[in-house]
């Protein structure tokens, strides 16, 4: 069919070639065979027929041997001995279908086998160039011959028609190349794996959030129940103390309490208030205590708050108040009127809505009398004006009216005092007061700063402790203050205790007061100081207000050596059950 084909048959200029093996890439390697007188006819394992005369061994089953140039180990085949590279074929550049073996059906073309193909090829041998292309293609496409006993796949000998070339897979060397689809599969596997991991991670996060939510809800529930228990609002756990009105809710709250005693150094008398800081409810309260409040003395006797402050001192008064009110007072602050004036001047004027005109205590009576404090809303009071208003008590006016004015001034001071603990402490130290232990400047400054902060925020109020005529506390009247504000329990002195006797000395002899006190205490009565009058009385009187105390009044008269005719029903002062007006007829026991 071409020059190389003729050379392979023993003709041509180059002489015959023979196959010597295959290179590392599966390509056949030829060499020029020595001249022979007659061509070899090797055995054809595929057709089971003797080779044609004049043809050498054809490893591709074409019936002839195709020559190739000498093999160069560094450059492949000798290009000088090879025909020119064939043009683009239907199977790729430089690649043509190999020559099929003789006979059989060609599965690629559907035509006759190698015999017909060769005959058709010989028909065009005169073209020359076609033969070179066939030889080149034969040399470049390696053959992988199958076993001799396996028939070809086409032609009569191979079980198929013989109308075309037969191509078998064993004739080609397949080189495994990366398959693009494999990367797609890997990417898909990675995608599905990542998606699965993301789903698992999402499930884990969802479970973690659910667990966290359950924990938060449990903590909220426990905290809510704890608060309700702390506040005494749980059903079945709250209740009142028998006969006292106190509750567990009020008692569970944390309070800081300090007793404040205002001493009027000019006009005499005292005013008492409890400063309460409820740290649980963030509420501050000033509780005003009437001087007639009945307290139990150290010796078991009954006395009044005013007498306890003047006679027993701060410690004894503090203990007595704790016993009566069920509180826990942490300290006592004695504030004399000059210190109150300085305190108001340090914080600036205080704003008070006054309920009456207050005369200047330093002005003369009559036409020259001047009004120091005018009645009206939002009056700005200086230190002097604040002291005059806080201690003012009109003629015939109850002591509670003066006490409420004192509470107004305290509220005004708290609203102007610094909320900073250090600044408030500096203000207290500037006053130069000597505090009763264990109260210190730092303790009082921090306490007042906390109250000031609440007062500026509208969380401060003033209330009056209700007291009955005899100085005792009514469970109904005092429950709102004692229980809710102080968190305590009202425990007035027992009615079966010693009868309280108020003594007013009108005998003209000051020493008689002390002698009467000794006589009454020794007789089992409680002595209450009623003061000394400038006017004298000739005859002594023993008065009782309640008929149930008539017998007690008679016993008092006997104890003091007074006639029974001096006993009469009348007005009893203060919280005493029996009042004695000591006259000149009184003669102390020797």
Protein backbone atom coordinates (compact mmCIF):
# COMPACT_ATOMS: atom_id res chain seq x y z
CA UNK A 1 0.00 0.00 0.00
CA UNK A 2 2.96 2.38 0.59
CA UNK A 3 6.73 2.33 0.50
CA UNK A 4 7.06 1.05 4.02
CA UNK A 5 4.57 -1.62 3.30
CA UNK A 6 6.65 -2.73 0.35
CA UNK A 7 9.74 -2.58 2.47
CA UNK A 8 8.14 -4.79 5.02
CA UNK A 9 7.49 -7.31 2.28
CA UNK A 10 11.14 -7.41 1.39
CA UNK A 11 11.18 -4.64 -1.15
CA UNK A 12 12.04 -0.98 -1.17
CA UNK A 13 15.28 0.77 -0.58
CA UNK A 14 15.50 0.20 3.11
CA UNK A 15 15.01 -3.53 3.10
CA UNK A 16 12.77 -5.59 5.33
CA UNK A 17 12.11 -4.82 9.08
CA UNK A 18 11.34 -7.08 11.93
CA UNK A 19 9.70 -6.49 15.33
CA UNK A 20 12.09 -6.76 18.22
CA UNK A 21 9.81 -5.69 21.12
CA UNK A 22 8.02 -2.74 22.69
CA UNK A 23 9.29 0.33 24.44
CA UNK A 24 8.22 1.65 27.87
CA UNK A 25 5.18 3.31 26.33
CA UNK A 26 3.92 0.19 24.55
CA UNK A 27 5.13 1.23 21.12
CA UNK A 28 6.67 -1.49 18.81
CA UNK A 29 10.37 -1.37 18.10
CA UNK A 30 11.62 -2.57 14.71
CA UNK A 31 14.99 -3.21 13.20
CA UNK A 32 16.12 -3.85 9.68
CA UNK A 33 16.17 -7.56 9.07
CA UNK A 34 18.97 -9.24 7.13
CA UNK A 35 18.20 -10.10 3.57
CA UNK A 36 16.55 -13.44 3.07
CA UNK A 37 15.99 -15.42 -0.01
CA UNK A 38 12.44 -16.12 0.85
CA UNK A 39 10.09 -14.47 3.30
CA UNK A 40 9.11 -16.17 6.52
CA UNK A 41 5.55 -17.23 7.04
CA UNK A 42 4.94 -17.23 10.74
CA UNK A 43 2.01 -18.65 12.47
CA UNK A 44 -1.01 -16.39 12.82
CA UNK A 45 -2.60 -17.09 16.21
CA UNK A 46 -5.77 -15.15 15.39
CA UNK A 47 -6.78 -16.56 12.03
CA UNK A 48 -5.49 -20.11 12.60
CA UNK A 49 -4.22 -19.96 9.03
CA UNK A 50 -0.80 -19.96 7.47
CA UNK A 51 0.55 -16.55 6.65
CA UNK A 52 0.66 -15.46 3.08
CA UNK A 53 3.81 -15.88 1.15
CA UNK A 54 6.03 -12.89 0.92
CA UNK A 55 4.93 -11.37 4.27
CA UNK A 56 6.70 -11.44 7.59
CA UNK A 57 5.15 -11.77 11.03
CA UNK A 58 2.41 -9.18 11.47
CA UNK A 59 1.82 -8.49 15.18
CA UNK A 60 -1.39 -6.58 14.37
CA UNK A 61 -2.96 -9.44 12.45
CA UNK A 62 -2.87 -7.67 9.12
CA UNK A 63 -1.02 -10.40 7.37
CA UNK A 64 2.15 -8.42 6.94
CA UNK A 65 4.86 -6.72 8.95
CA UNK A 66 5.23 -2.95 8.99
CA UNK A 67 8.75 -1.63 9.26
CA UNK A 68 9.84 1.09 11.58
CA UNK A 69 12.98 3.11 11.94
CA UNK A 70 15.67 2.36 14.47
CA UNK A 71 14.77 3.24 18.09
CA UNK A 72 16.58 6.04 19.81
CA UNK A 73 16.47 5.56 23.65
CA UNK A 74 16.66 9.35 24.20
CA UNK A 75 14.50 10.52 21.38
CA UNK A 76 12.25 7.60 20.51
CA UNK A 77 12.27 6.40 16.92
CA UNK A 78 14.64 7.62 14.29
CA UNK A 79 12.67 10.24 12.51
CA UNK A 80 14.90 10.00 9.50
CA UNK A 81 13.88 6.39 8.94
CA UNK A 82 10.21 7.09 9.51
CA UNK A 83 7.76 8.36 7.02
CA UNK A 84 6.28 11.82 7.49
CA UNK A 85 3.67 12.26 10.26
CA UNK A 86 0.24 11.51 8.88
CA UNK A 87 -2.42 14.17 8.81
CA UNK A 88 -5.41 14.50 11.17
CA UNK A 89 -7.44 11.32 11.10
CA UNK A 90 -10.85 10.50 12.45
CA UNK A 91 -9.29 9.12 15.68
CA UNK A 92 -7.00 12.00 16.50
CA UNK A 93 -3.83 13.59 15.28
CA UNK A 94 -1.45 11.04 13.73
CA UNK A 95 -3.71 8.15 14.58
CA UNK A 96 -5.56 5.93 12.12
CA UNK A 97 -7.37 2.75 12.85
CA UNK A 98 -5.05 -0.22 12.72
CA UNK A 99 -5.24 -2.69 9.91
CA UNK A 100 -7.63 -5.41 10.91
CA UNK A 101 -6.71 -9.06 10.76
CA UNK A 102 -7.64 -11.16 7.81
CA UNK A 103 -11.22 -12.08 7.64
CA UNK A 104 -13.80 -11.27 10.23
CA UNK A 105 -16.17 -8.45 10.74
CA UNK A 106 -14.94 -4.97 11.42
CA UNK A 107 -16.94 -3.62 14.42
CA UNK A 108 -15.90 -0.03 13.75
CA UNK A 109 -16.79 0.20 10.10
CA UNK A 110 -19.19 -2.67 9.71
CA UNK A 111 -17.24 -3.69 6.55
CA UNK A 112 -15.20 -6.70 5.46
CA UNK A 113 -12.22 -8.06 7.28
CA UNK A 114 -8.53 -7.64 6.68
CA UNK A 115 -8.47 -9.56 3.39
CA UNK A 116 -10.93 -7.32 1.71
CA UNK A 117 -9.29 -4.33 3.30
CA UNK A 118 -5.90 -5.38 1.99
CA UNK A 119 -7.31 -5.95 -1.42
CA UNK A 120 -8.83 -2.55 -1.43
CA UNK A 121 -5.58 -1.16 -0.05
CA UNK A 122 -3.52 -2.83 -2.79
CA UNK A 123 -5.80 -1.30 -5.24
CA UNK A 124 -4.44 2.03 -4.20
CA UNK A 125 -0.82 1.05 -3.77
CA UNK A 126 0.17 3.26 -6.58
CA UNK A 127 -0.77 6.25 -4.46
CA UNK A 128 2.25 5.62 -2.24
CA UNK A 129 1.40 8.11 0.53
CA UNK A 130 -1.45 6.00 1.89
CA UNK A 131 0.93 3.10 2.48
CA UNK A 132 3.19 5.31 4.53
CA UNK A 133 0.29 6.41 6.71
CA UNK A 134 -0.83 2.82 7.33
CA UNK A 135 2.66 1.79 8.34
CA UNK A 136 3.01 4.82 10.63
CA UNK A 137 -0.25 4.12 12.29
CA UNK A 138 0.61 0.48 12.70
CA UNK A 139 3.88 1.36 14.34
CA UNK A 140 2.32 3.83 16.76
CA UNK A 141 -0.65 1.77 17.93
CA UNK A 142 0.61 -1.14 20.04
CA UNK A 143 -1.04 -4.48 19.94
CA UNK A 144 -1.87 -6.56 22.95
CA UNK A 145 -2.44 -9.96 21.41
CA UNK A 146 -4.79 -12.29 23.20
CA UNK A 147 -4.28 -15.96 23.77
CA UNK A 148 -3.98 -18.11 20.59
CA UNK A 149 -7.02 -20.19 21.42
CA UNK A 150 -9.30 -17.18 21.70
CA UNK A 151 -10.99 -16.47 18.41
CA UNK A 152 -11.32 -12.94 17.16
CA UNK A 153 -14.47 -11.06 17.66
CA UNK A 154 -15.36 -10.62 13.99
CA UNK A 155 -15.37 -12.40 10.62
CA UNK A 156 -16.19 -15.97 9.88
CA UNK A 157 -13.27 -17.17 11.93
CA UNK A 158 -14.21 -14.86 14.79
CA UNK A 159 -17.90 -15.29 14.67
CA UNK A 160 -18.82 -12.09 12.83
CA UNK A 161 -19.25 -10.73 9.32
CA UNK A 162 -16.21 -10.15 7.19
CA UNK A 163 -17.24 -6.89 5.65
CA UNK A 164 -15.01 -4.55 7.61
CA UNK A 165 -11.87 -4.25 9.77
CA UNK A 166 -11.89 -5.90 13.17
CA UNK A 167 -10.54 -3.91 16.13
CA UNK A 168 -9.96 -5.64 19.44
CA UNK A 169 -9.28 -4.10 22.81
CA UNK A 170 -6.16 -6.18 23.29
CA UNK A 171 -4.59 -4.38 20.32
CA UNK A 172 -4.41 -1.11 22.25
CA UNK A 173 -2.39 -0.03 25.26
CA UNK A 174 -4.64 1.85 27.66
CA UNK A 175 -2.99 4.43 29.87
CA UNK A 176 -4.87 5.34 32.98
CA UNK A 177 -5.45 9.04 33.04
CA UNK A 178 -7.14 11.15 35.70
CA UNK A 179 -10.82 11.04 35.19
CA UNK A 180 -12.54 14.42 35.56
CA UNK A 181 -15.58 12.69 36.94
CA UNK A 182 -13.53 11.30 39.84
CA UNK A 183 -12.91 14.84 41.10
CA UNK A 184 -16.63 15.52 40.84
CA UNK A 185 -17.32 12.40 42.89
CA UNK A 186 -14.77 13.46 45.51
CA UNK A 187 -16.24 16.94 45.61
CA UNK A 188 -19.72 15.47 45.96
CA UNK A 189 -18.54 13.20 48.77
CA UNK A 190 -16.92 16.16 50.50
CA UNK A 191 -20.08 18.20 50.03
CA UNK A 192 -22.32 15.50 51.45
CA UNK A 193 -19.86 14.89 54.30
CA UNK A 194 -19.68 18.61 55.09
CA UNK A 195 -23.45 18.90 54.87
CA UNK A 196 -23.83 15.97 57.25
CA UNK A 197 -21.35 17.51 59.63
CA UNK A 198 -23.19 20.82 59.46
CA UNK A 199 -26.46 19.09 60.21
CA UNK A 200 -24.91 17.28 63.16
CA UNK A 201 -23.36 20.51 64.38
CA UNK A 202 -26.73 22.26 64.06
CA UNK A 203 -28.35 19.46 66.06
CA UNK A 204 -25.67 19.74 68.74
CA UNK A 205 -26.14 23.50 68.95
CA UNK A 206 -29.90 23.06 69.14
CA UNK A 207 -29.50 20.54 71.96
CA UNK A 208 -27.07 22.86 73.76
CA UNK A 209 -29.50 25.76 73.44
CA UNK A 210 -32.34 23.60 74.71
CA UNK A 211 -30.28 22.50 77.71
CA UNK A 212 -29.24 26.09 78.42
CA UNK A 213 -32.85 27.23 78.19
CA UNK A 214 -33.95 24.55 80.61
CA UNK A 215 -31.19 25.53 83.03
CA UNK A 216 -32.13 29.22 82.81
CA UNK A 217 -35.80 28.45 83.37
CA UNK A 218 -34.91 26.27 86.34
CA UNK A 219 -32.76 29.03 87.84
CA UNK A 220 -35.52 31.58 87.28
CA UNK A 221 -38.04 29.28 88.91
CA UNK A 222 -35.77 28.62 91.88
CA UNK A 223 -35.00 32.33 92.19
CA UNK A 224 -38.68 33.22 92.01
CA UNK A 225 -39.59 30.67 94.64
CA UNK A 226 -36.71 31.85 96.78
CA UNK A 227 -37.86 35.43 96.50
CA UNK A 228 -41.43 34.48 97.36
CA UNK A 229 -40.16 32.52 100.32
CA UNK A 230 -37.92 35.42 101.33
CA UNK A 231 -40.83 37.84 100.99
CA UNK A 232 -43.17 35.45 102.82
CA UNK A 233 -45.57 35.22 99.89
CA UNK A 234 -45.57 31.48 99.42
CA UNK A 235 -48.94 29.94 100.25
CA UNK A 236 -48.89 28.26 103.64
CA UNK A 237 -45.60 29.86 104.70
CA UNK A 238 -46.76 33.39 105.44
CA UNK A 239 -48.74 34.30 108.48
CA UNK A 240 -48.93 36.56 111.43
CA UNK A 241 -47.43 36.07 114.86
CA UNK A 242 -50.11 35.42 117.42
CA UNK A 243 -51.39 38.66 118.90
CA UNK A 244 -48.65 40.79 117.31
CA UNK A 245 -49.44 41.26 113.64
CA UNK A 246 -45.83 40.66 112.60
CA UNK A 247 -45.17 38.45 109.54
CA UNK A 248 -42.30 36.39 108.29
CA UNK A 249 -42.20 38.53 105.15
CA UNK A 250 -41.53 41.73 107.06
CA UNK A 251 -39.09 40.07 109.42
CA UNK A 252 -37.05 38.59 106.58
CA UNK A 253 -36.25 42.00 105.13
CA UNK A 254 -32.90 43.60 105.93
CA UNK A 255 -33.06 46.93 107.76
CA UNK A 256 -30.53 49.33 109.22
CA UNK A 257 -31.95 51.37 112.12
CA UNK A 258 -30.47 54.30 114.05
CA UNK A 259 -32.18 56.18 116.87
CA UNK A 260 -32.04 60.00 116.58
CA UNK A 261 -32.58 62.14 119.71
CA UNK A 262 -32.92 65.91 119.24
CA UNK A 263 -32.11 67.79 122.44
CA UNK A 264 -33.44 71.34 122.71
CA UNK A 265 -30.68 73.04 124.65
CA UNK A 266 -32.63 76.30 124.97
CA UNK A 267 -36.27 75.34 125.59
CA UNK A 268 -35.66 71.90 127.07
CA UNK A 269 -37.23 68.63 126.05
CA UNK A 270 -36.32 65.98 123.52
CA UNK A 271 -37.69 64.64 120.26
CA UNK A 272 -37.00 61.07 119.12
CA UNK A 273 -37.17 59.42 115.71
CA UNK A 274 -35.99 56.11 114.24
CA UNK A 275 -34.17 56.38 110.89
CA UNK A 276 -34.84 53.17 108.95
CA UNK A 277 -33.06 52.06 105.78
CA UNK A 278 -34.76 48.99 104.31
CA UNK A 279 -32.05 47.62 102.02
CA UNK A 280 -34.38 44.92 100.71
CA UNK A 281 -37.19 47.14 99.47
CA UNK A 282 -34.95 50.19 98.90
CA UNK A 283 -37.21 52.31 101.08
CA UNK A 284 -36.20 54.81 103.79
CA UNK A 285 -38.52 55.84 106.61
CA UNK A 286 -38.39 58.23 109.51
CA UNK A 287 -40.54 56.85 112.35
CA UNK A 288 -41.53 59.54 114.88
CA UNK A 289 -41.81 58.26 118.47
CA UNK A 290 -44.04 60.17 120.91
CA UNK A 291 -42.48 61.03 124.26
CA UNK A 292 -45.40 59.31 125.99
CA UNK A 293 -44.38 55.90 124.66
CA UNK A 294 -44.28 53.50 127.62
CA UNK A 295 -40.99 51.68 128.11
CA UNK A 296 -39.84 49.08 130.61
CA UNK A 297 -37.08 50.21 132.93
CA UNK A 298 -34.09 48.20 134.02
CA UNK A 299 -35.75 47.46 137.34
CA UNK A 300 -38.94 46.22 135.66
CA UNK A 301 -40.74 49.49 136.19
CA UNK A 302 -42.59 51.37 133.46
CA UNK A 303 -41.28 54.71 132.29
CA UNK A 304 -41.80 57.03 129.32
CA UNK A 305 -39.55 57.63 126.37
CA UNK A 306 -38.90 61.22 127.41
CA UNK A 307 -37.87 60.16 130.91
CA UNK A 308 -35.68 57.36 129.59
CA UNK A 309 -33.80 59.71 127.25
CA UNK A 310 -33.20 62.27 130.01
CA UNK A 311 -32.53 59.93 132.93
CA UNK A 312 -31.45 56.50 131.70
CA UNK A 313 -29.13 57.49 128.87
CA UNK A 314 -28.85 56.33 125.23
CA UNK A 315 -27.89 52.73 125.86
CA UNK A 316 -30.76 51.99 128.26
CA UNK A 317 -33.22 53.81 126.01
CA UNK A 318 -32.03 51.86 122.97
CA UNK A 319 -32.50 48.55 124.77
CA UNK A 320 -35.94 49.57 125.99
CA UNK A 321 -37.04 50.55 122.47
CA UNK A 322 -35.78 47.22 121.09
CA UNK A 323 -37.80 45.41 123.74
CA UNK A 324 -41.02 47.32 123.10
CA UNK A 325 -40.84 47.50 119.30
CA UNK A 326 -39.02 44.25 118.56
CA UNK A 327 -36.38 46.11 116.56
CA UNK A 328 -32.59 45.94 116.40
CA UNK A 329 -31.29 49.48 116.72
CA UNK A 330 -27.64 49.67 115.66
CA UNK A 331 -26.72 53.00 117.25
CA UNK A 332 -27.90 56.24 118.80
CA UNK A 333 -27.28 59.69 117.32
CA UNK A 334 -27.63 62.54 119.80
CA UNK A 335 -28.19 65.79 117.90
CA UNK A 336 -28.32 68.97 119.99
CA UNK A 337 -30.06 71.98 118.44
CA UNK A 338 -26.80 73.91 117.81
CA UNK A 339 -25.52 70.98 115.74
CA UNK A 340 -28.78 70.81 113.82
CA UNK A 341 -28.40 74.49 112.95
CA UNK A 342 -24.84 73.92 111.73
CA UNK A 343 -25.89 70.87 109.75
CA UNK A 344 -28.59 72.79 107.87
CA UNK A 345 -26.16 75.62 107.16
CA UNK A 346 -23.59 73.11 105.78
CA UNK A 347 -26.00 71.49 103.33
CA UNK A 348 -27.68 74.80 102.47
CA UNK A 349 -31.22 75.85 103.13
CA UNK A 350 -33.85 73.13 103.44
CA UNK A 351 -37.21 73.28 101.72
CA UNK A 352 -40.18 72.70 104.02
CA UNK A 353 -43.92 73.24 103.66
CA UNK A 354 -44.63 74.86 107.02
CA UNK A 355 -47.99 74.50 108.79
CA UNK A 356 -47.77 77.51 111.10
CA UNK A 357 -46.00 80.79 111.74
CA UNK A 358 -43.10 80.45 114.12
CA UNK A 359 -42.03 83.51 116.14
CA UNK A 360 -38.40 84.37 116.61
CA UNK A 361 -37.45 82.89 120.00
CA UNK A 362 -34.86 85.65 120.51
CA UNK A 363 -37.35 88.49 119.91
CA UNK A 364 -39.16 90.23 122.74
CA UNK A 365 -42.79 89.55 123.40
CA UNK A 366 -45.44 92.07 122.44
CA UNK A 367 -45.26 94.49 119.56
CA UNK A 368 -41.62 93.75 118.85
CA UNK A 369 -42.27 90.03 118.37
CA UNK A 370 -41.28 89.04 114.85
CA UNK A 371 -42.18 85.99 112.81
CA UNK A 372 -39.09 83.96 112.00
CA UNK A 373 -40.79 81.23 109.93
CA UNK A 374 -43.86 81.98 107.87
CA UNK A 375 -46.54 79.47 107.07
CA UNK A 376 -46.55 78.37 103.44
CA UNK A 377 -45.45 75.87 100.85
CA UNK A 378 -41.83 75.27 99.96
CA UNK A 379 -40.31 77.62 102.47
CA UNK A 380 -36.51 77.76 102.39
CA UNK A 381 -35.29 77.53 105.98
CA UNK A 382 -31.84 78.45 107.18
CA UNK A 383 -30.22 76.68 110.12
CA UNK A 384 -31.73 79.00 112.70
CA UNK A 385 -35.17 78.85 111.08
CA UNK A 386 -35.03 75.07 110.83
CA UNK A 387 -34.26 74.70 114.54
CA UNK A 388 -37.07 77.09 115.50
CA UNK A 389 -39.57 75.23 113.34
CA UNK A 390 -38.46 71.73 114.47
CA UNK A 391 -38.82 72.58 118.18
CA UNK A 392 -41.86 74.84 118.07
CA UNK A 393 -44.92 73.77 120.08
CA UNK A 394 -47.82 76.19 120.45
CA UNK A 395 -49.61 76.67 123.75
CA UNK A 396 -52.06 73.83 124.38
CA UNK A 397 -50.78 71.93 121.34
CA UNK A 398 -50.11 68.18 121.50
CA UNK A 399 -46.53 67.02 121.44
CA UNK A 400 -47.16 65.07 118.23
CA UNK A 401 -47.60 68.34 116.28
CA UNK A 402 -44.10 69.46 117.23
CA UNK A 403 -42.79 65.97 116.49
CA UNK A 404 -44.13 66.08 112.93
CA UNK A 405 -42.41 69.44 112.32
CA UNK A 406 -39.18 67.82 113.42
CA UNK A 407 -39.77 65.05 110.89
CA UNK A 408 -40.22 67.63 108.10
CA UNK A 409 -36.85 69.17 108.87
CA UNK A 410 -35.16 65.75 108.90
CA UNK A 411 -36.62 65.00 105.46
CA UNK A 412 -35.40 68.34 104.12
CA UNK A 413 -31.89 67.71 105.43
CA UNK A 414 -31.71 64.26 103.82
CA UNK A 415 -32.70 65.69 100.46
CA UNK A 416 -29.84 68.19 100.60
CA UNK A 417 -27.18 65.90 102.05
CA UNK A 418 -24.64 64.33 99.70
CA UNK A 419 -25.33 60.79 98.48
CA UNK A 420 -21.60 60.05 98.48
CA UNK A 421 -20.52 58.22 101.62
CA UNK A 422 -17.17 59.98 101.84
CA UNK A 423 -18.70 63.44 101.35
CA UNK A 424 -21.43 62.74 103.91
CA UNK A 425 -18.79 61.51 106.36
CA UNK A 426 -16.84 64.72 105.87
CA UNK A 427 -19.99 66.71 106.67
CA UNK A 428 -20.51 64.73 109.88
CA UNK A 429 -16.88 65.22 110.89
CA UNK A 430 -17.12 68.94 110.19
CA UNK A 431 -19.90 69.26 112.77
CA UNK A 432 -17.50 68.14 115.51
CA UNK A 433 -20.07 66.04 117.36
CA UNK A 434 -19.11 63.41 119.90
CA UNK A 435 -21.10 60.33 118.98
CA UNK A 436 -22.19 57.68 121.42
CA UNK A 437 -20.35 54.40 120.85
CA UNK A 438 -20.44 52.15 118.94
CA UNK A 439 -21.58 54.66 116.30
CA UNK A 440 -18.65 56.27 114.41
CA UNK A 441 -18.36 59.15 111.97
CA UNK A 442 -17.86 56.75 109.06
CA UNK A 443 -20.84 54.62 110.03
CA UNK A 444 -23.12 57.62 110.41
CA UNK A 445 -21.86 59.24 107.19
CA UNK A 446 -22.42 56.09 105.10
CA UNK A 447 -25.84 55.56 106.67
CA UNK A 448 -26.97 59.15 106.00
CA UNK A 449 -25.63 59.00 102.42
CA UNK A 450 -27.79 55.94 101.73
CA UNK A 451 -30.84 57.66 103.18
CA UNK A 452 -30.06 60.80 101.18
CA UNK A 453 -29.92 58.82 97.95
CA UNK A 454 -33.33 57.28 98.63
CA UNK A 455 -34.82 60.62 99.69
CA UNK A 456 -33.68 62.29 96.45
CA UNK A 457 -35.29 59.47 94.48
CA UNK A 458 -38.62 59.85 96.27
CA UNK A 459 -38.16 56.67 98.35
CA UNK A 460 -38.32 58.32 101.77
CA UNK A 461 -41.36 58.87 103.91
CA UNK A 462 -42.19 60.03 107.44
CA UNK A 463 -44.68 58.26 109.71
CA UNK A 464 -45.86 58.63 113.30
CA UNK A 465 -45.98 55.68 115.67
CA UNK A 466 -49.52 55.55 117.14
CA UNK A 467 -49.56 55.43 120.94
CA UNK A 468 -52.56 55.15 123.23
CA UNK A 469 -53.27 57.52 126.13
CA UNK A 470 -51.51 55.23 128.57
CA UNK A 471 -48.44 55.07 126.35
CA UNK A 472 -48.96 51.49 125.24
CA UNK A 473 -49.12 50.29 121.68
CA UNK A 474 -52.34 48.99 120.19
CA UNK A 475 -51.86 45.91 118.04
CA UNK A 476 -54.30 47.29 115.49
CA UNK A 477 -52.95 50.85 115.44
CA UNK A 478 -49.26 50.06 115.46
CA UNK A 479 -49.19 46.94 113.28
CA UNK A 480 -48.63 48.92 110.08
CA UNK A 481 -45.58 50.71 111.49
CA UNK A 482 -44.09 48.15 113.83
CA UNK A 483 -44.63 45.19 111.53
CA UNK A 484 -44.22 46.63 108.04
CA UNK A 485 -41.73 49.45 108.61
CA UNK A 486 -39.70 48.20 111.55
CA UNK A 487 -40.23 44.49 110.97
CA UNK A 488 -40.80 44.02 114.69
CA UNK A 489 -43.49 43.04 117.15
CA UNK A 490 -45.28 45.39 119.53
CA UNK A 491 -44.62 44.35 123.13
CA UNK A 492 -45.89 47.04 125.46
CA UNK A 493 -45.42 46.53 129.18
CA UNK A 494 -47.93 44.09 130.58
CA UNK A 495 -51.06 45.60 132.06
CA UNK A 496 -50.61 43.38 135.10
CA UNK A 497 -47.27 44.95 135.83
CA UNK A 498 -46.66 47.73 138.28
CA UNK A 499 -49.16 50.60 138.14
CA UNK A 500 -47.64 53.72 136.62
CA UNK A 501 -47.98 56.87 138.72
CA UNK A 502 -47.26 60.36 137.42
CA UNK A 503 -46.11 62.83 140.07
CA UNK A 504 -46.23 66.62 139.67
CA UNK A 505 -44.46 68.50 142.45
CA UNK A 506 -46.48 71.53 143.62
CA UNK A 507 -45.31 71.46 147.23
CA UNK A 508 -42.69 74.16 146.82
CA UNK A 509 -39.95 71.77 147.91
CA UNK A 510 -37.94 70.37 145.00
CA UNK A 511 -36.43 67.53 147.01
CA UNK A 512 -39.88 66.01 147.60
CA UNK A 513 -39.90 64.62 144.05
CA UNK A 514 -37.03 62.25 144.74
CA UNK A 515 -38.52 61.16 148.06
CA UNK A 516 -41.89 60.39 146.44
CA UNK A 517 -40.13 58.36 143.77
CA UNK A 518 -38.40 56.18 146.31
CA UNK A 519 -41.63 55.62 148.20
CA UNK A 520 -43.61 54.63 145.12
CA UNK A 521 -40.94 52.28 143.70
CA UNK A 522 -40.59 50.58 147.09
CA UNK A 523 -44.36 50.24 147.19
CA UNK A 524 -44.42 48.38 143.86
CA UNK A 525 -45.48 51.26 141.64
CA UNK A 526 -43.85 52.77 138.61
CA UNK A 527 -42.80 56.36 138.99
CA UNK A 528 -43.37 58.82 136.12
CA UNK A 529 -41.86 62.28 136.27
CA UNK A 530 -44.59 64.97 135.90
CA UNK A 531 -42.40 68.02 136.45
CA UNK A 532 -42.39 70.80 138.98
CA UNK A 533 -44.78 73.76 138.99
CA UNK A 534 -43.93 77.26 140.08
CA UNK A 535 -47.27 77.66 141.84
CA UNK A 536 -47.85 75.74 144.99
CA UNK A 537 -50.88 73.76 146.09
CA UNK A 538 -52.02 73.49 149.68
CA UNK A 539 -53.54 70.02 149.49
CA UNK A 540 -52.35 67.01 147.57
CA UNK A 541 -54.57 65.17 145.06
CA UNK A 542 -54.57 61.57 143.85
CA UNK A 543 -56.54 61.20 140.62
CA UNK A 544 -57.65 58.26 138.52
CA UNK A 545 -59.42 58.28 135.13
CA UNK A 546 -60.69 54.71 134.98
CA UNK A 547 -62.90 53.31 137.69
CA UNK A 548 -60.82 50.13 137.61
CA UNK A 549 -57.88 52.21 138.92
CA UNK A 550 -59.76 53.64 141.93
CA UNK A 551 -58.34 50.98 144.20
CA UNK A 552 -54.86 51.62 142.82
CA UNK A 553 -55.25 55.34 143.52
CA UNK A 554 -56.24 54.57 147.11
CA UNK A 555 -53.13 52.41 147.56
CA UNK A 556 -50.96 55.23 146.20
CA UNK A 557 -52.41 57.64 148.74
CA UNK A 558 -51.69 55.21 151.58
CA UNK A 559 -48.14 54.66 150.33
CA UNK A 560 -47.43 58.40 150.32
CA UNK A 561 -49.13 59.02 153.67
CA UNK A 562 -51.95 61.08 152.19
CA UNK A 563 -55.52 60.99 153.42
CA UNK A 564 -58.02 58.86 151.50
CA UNK A 565 -60.08 61.98 150.94
CA UNK A 566 -57.43 63.16 148.51
CA UNK A 567 -58.41 60.35 146.09
CA UNK A 568 -60.78 61.51 143.35
CA UNK A 569 -61.71 60.77 139.75
CA UNK A 570 -60.16 63.21 137.32
CA UNK A 571 -57.82 63.76 134.39
CA UNK A 572 -54.68 61.68 134.35
CA UNK A 573 -51.65 63.09 132.57
CA UNK A 574 -49.45 61.25 130.16
CA UNK A 575 -49.65 57.51 130.03
CA UNK A 576 -49.99 57.07 133.76
CA UNK A 577 -52.89 55.27 135.34
CA UNK A 578 -52.76 57.40 138.48
CA UNK A 579 -51.70 61.04 138.80
CA UNK A 580 -50.46 62.72 141.95
CA UNK A 581 -50.36 66.49 142.48
CA UNK A 582 -48.06 66.89 145.45
CA UNK A 583 -49.11 69.72 147.77
CA UNK A 584 -47.72 71.37 150.84
CA UNK A 585 -49.47 68.84 153.09
CA UNK A 586 -47.13 66.13 151.97
CA UNK A 587 -44.77 64.97 154.63
CA UNK A 588 -42.05 62.53 153.57
CA UNK A 589 -41.59 59.43 155.71
CA UNK A 590 -38.70 59.70 158.11
